[in-house]
N, C-alpha and C. Protein backbone atom coordinates (compact mmCIF):
# COMPACT_ATOMS: atom_id res chain seq x y z
N MET A 1 -14.68 2.06 -41.32
CA MET A 1 -14.65 2.65 -40.20
C MET A 1 -13.95 1.90 -39.07
N ARG A 2 -13.59 2.77 -38.39
CA ARG A 2 -12.88 1.98 -37.16
C ARG A 2 -13.31 2.88 -35.96
N HIS A 3 -13.55 2.17 -34.81
CA HIS A 3 -13.79 2.82 -33.68
C HIS A 3 -13.16 2.36 -32.34
N PHE A 4 -12.42 3.11 -31.46
CA PHE A 4 -11.55 2.86 -30.54
C PHE A 4 -12.03 3.07 -29.03
N TYR A 5 -11.86 1.98 -28.39
CA TYR A 5 -12.63 2.46 -26.99
C TYR A 5 -11.60 1.73 -26.01
N HIS A 6 -11.85 2.35 -24.68
CA HIS A 6 -10.65 1.96 -23.53
C HIS A 6 -11.80 1.56 -22.69
N LEU A 7 -11.62 -0.17 -22.47
CA LEU A 7 -12.36 -0.79 -21.41
C LEU A 7 -11.45 -1.58 -20.56
N GLN A 8 -12.02 -1.84 -19.53
CA GLN A 8 -11.27 -2.87 -18.62
C GLN A 8 -12.16 -4.16 -18.39
N ALA A 9 -11.83 -4.96 -18.75
CA ALA A 9 -12.53 -6.33 -18.48
C ALA A 9 -12.03 -7.38 -17.71
N ASN A 10 -13.11 -8.13 -16.92
CA ASN A 10 -12.57 -9.10 -16.13
C ASN A 10 -12.65 -10.23 -16.77
N SER A 11 -13.14 -10.51 -17.90
CA SER A 11 -13.90 -11.81 -18.63
C SER A 11 -12.33 -12.73 -18.95
N LYS A 12 -12.37 -13.88 -18.88
CA LYS A 12 -11.42 -14.51 -19.44
C LYS A 12 -11.50 -15.09 -20.92
N LEU A 13 -12.50 -14.54 -21.33
CA LEU A 13 -13.01 -14.77 -23.02
C LEU A 13 -11.76 -13.57 -23.58
N ASN A 14 -10.96 -14.13 -24.57
CA ASN A 14 -10.06 -13.24 -25.46
C ASN A 14 -10.54 -12.87 -26.80
N GLU A 15 -11.20 -13.53 -27.27
CA GLU A 15 -11.76 -13.59 -28.60
C GLU A 15 -13.16 -14.20 -28.64
N TRP A 16 -13.69 -13.51 -29.90
CA TRP A 16 -15.41 -14.29 -30.19
C TRP A 16 -15.50 -13.58 -31.61
N ALA A 17 -16.49 -14.14 -32.03
CA ALA A 17 -16.71 -14.25 -33.19
C ALA A 17 -18.28 -13.50 -33.60
N ILE A 18 -18.41 -12.45 -34.57
CA ILE A 18 -20.05 -12.27 -34.95
C ILE A 18 -20.15 -12.67 -36.22
N GLU A 19 -21.44 -12.85 -36.70
CA GLU A 19 -21.93 -13.05 -38.02
C GLU A 19 -22.88 -11.95 -38.68
N THR A 20 -22.43 -10.99 -39.40
CA THR A 20 -23.45 -10.15 -39.38
C THR A 20 -22.90 -9.68 -41.31
N ASP A 21 -24.30 -9.35 -42.15
CA ASP A 21 -23.92 -9.05 -43.61
C ASP A 21 -23.17 -10.03 -44.16
N GLN A 22 -23.63 -11.51 -43.86
CA GLN A 22 -22.89 -12.70 -44.36
C GLN A 22 -21.57 -12.51 -44.46
N HIS A 23 -21.12 -12.44 -43.39
CA HIS A 23 -19.75 -12.13 -43.00
C HIS A 23 -19.26 -12.64 -41.81
N THR A 24 -18.32 -13.15 -41.43
CA THR A 24 -18.15 -13.60 -39.78
C THR A 24 -16.85 -12.63 -39.58
N PHE A 25 -16.89 -11.84 -38.56
CA PHE A 25 -15.80 -11.12 -38.01
C PHE A 25 -15.13 -11.60 -36.73
N LYS A 26 -14.04 -11.74 -36.50
CA LYS A 26 -13.32 -12.23 -35.33
C LYS A 26 -12.67 -10.86 -34.53
N LEU A 27 -13.43 -10.94 -33.30
CA LEU A 27 -13.13 -9.74 -32.65
C LEU A 27 -12.27 -10.29 -31.27
N PHE A 28 -11.85 -9.42 -30.70
CA PHE A 28 -10.61 -9.65 -29.61
C PHE A 28 -10.16 -8.52 -29.10
N TRP A 29 -9.99 -8.82 -27.57
CA TRP A 29 -9.48 -7.68 -26.58
C TRP A 29 -7.84 -7.77 -26.95
N ALA A 30 -7.31 -6.25 -26.89
CA ALA A 30 -6.04 -6.34 -27.11
C ALA A 30 -5.23 -5.25 -26.15
N PRO A 31 -4.43 -5.45 -25.07
CA PRO A 31 -3.79 -4.95 -24.36
C PRO A 31 -3.23 -3.64 -25.13
N LEU A 32 -3.15 -2.26 -24.14
CA LEU A 32 -2.45 -1.20 -24.88
C LEU A 32 -1.32 -1.42 -25.11
N GLU A 33 -0.49 -2.28 -24.56
CA GLU A 33 1.09 -2.46 -24.37
C GLU A 33 1.46 -3.17 -26.02
N ASN A 34 0.36 -4.04 -26.24
CA ASN A 34 0.72 -4.72 -27.27
C ASN A 34 -0.42 -4.77 -28.42
N LEU A 35 -0.58 -3.70 -28.90
CA LEU A 35 -1.89 -3.45 -29.96
C LEU A 35 -1.41 -3.99 -31.28
N PRO A 36 -2.29 -4.60 -31.90
CA PRO A 36 -1.94 -5.08 -33.38
C PRO A 36 -1.82 -3.77 -34.37
N LEU A 37 -0.99 -3.95 -35.27
CA LEU A 37 -0.64 -2.90 -36.54
C LEU A 37 -1.81 -2.93 -37.28
N ILE A 38 -2.08 -1.63 -37.75
CA ILE A 38 -3.53 -1.31 -38.30
C ILE A 38 -2.85 -0.26 -39.36
N VAL A 39 -3.78 -0.30 -40.60
CA VAL A 39 -3.29 0.36 -41.75
C VAL A 39 -3.32 1.69 -41.57
N SER A 40 -2.69 2.52 -42.93
CA SER A 40 -2.52 4.11 -42.43
C SER A 40 -3.75 4.70 -43.20
N PRO A 41 -4.61 5.81 -42.69
CA PRO A 41 -3.86 6.75 -41.88
C PRO A 41 -4.61 6.09 -40.14
N GLN A 42 -5.28 5.00 -40.37
CA GLN A 42 -5.99 4.71 -38.75
C GLN A 42 -4.76 4.41 -37.72
N ASP A 43 -3.57 4.02 -38.44
CA ASP A 43 -2.45 3.83 -37.43
C ASP A 43 -2.02 5.25 -36.47
N LYS A 44 -2.56 6.65 -37.23
CA LYS A 44 -2.08 7.71 -36.78
C LYS A 44 -3.18 8.05 -35.90
N TRP A 45 -4.58 7.69 -35.95
CA TRP A 45 -5.60 7.93 -34.90
C TRP A 45 -5.42 7.11 -33.89
N LEU A 46 -4.90 6.15 -33.94
CA LEU A 46 -4.27 5.39 -32.58
C LEU A 46 -3.34 5.71 -31.98
N ALA A 47 -2.45 6.23 -32.62
CA ALA A 47 -1.29 7.03 -31.70
C ALA A 47 -1.90 8.21 -31.28
N TYR A 48 -2.74 9.09 -31.79
CA TYR A 48 -3.34 10.21 -30.93
C TYR A 48 -3.80 9.68 -30.00
N PHE A 49 -4.91 8.51 -30.43
CA PHE A 49 -5.77 8.19 -29.26
C PHE A 49 -4.72 7.67 -27.90
N LEU A 50 -3.71 6.95 -28.11
CA LEU A 50 -2.98 6.60 -26.87
C LEU A 50 -2.34 7.53 -26.38
N LYS A 51 -2.23 8.74 -26.95
CA LYS A 51 -1.42 9.92 -26.33
C LYS A 51 -2.40 10.66 -25.63
N GLU A 52 -3.71 10.84 -25.94
CA GLU A 52 -4.35 11.40 -25.29
C GLU A 52 -5.02 10.82 -24.08
N LEU A 53 -4.76 9.29 -24.12
CA LEU A 53 -5.03 8.40 -23.23
C LEU A 53 -4.34 8.57 -21.83
N LYS A 54 -3.04 9.08 -22.33
CA LYS A 54 -2.03 9.20 -21.07
C LYS A 54 -1.95 10.58 -20.48
N GLN A 55 -2.63 11.58 -20.66
CA GLN A 55 -2.69 12.49 -20.40
C GLN A 55 -3.61 12.82 -19.29
């Protein structure tokens, strides 16, 4: 499952890690102009999100 949020942050912290369910997940902020690639079909959801955000 993937969630998309549009937030504005004033923090200088760009990356952090959380531990849950015996796994460590590395989280990060990504600018809308330079988002990382994600797998299909989630890439289509992201394209829809960005299109809706610009309206």
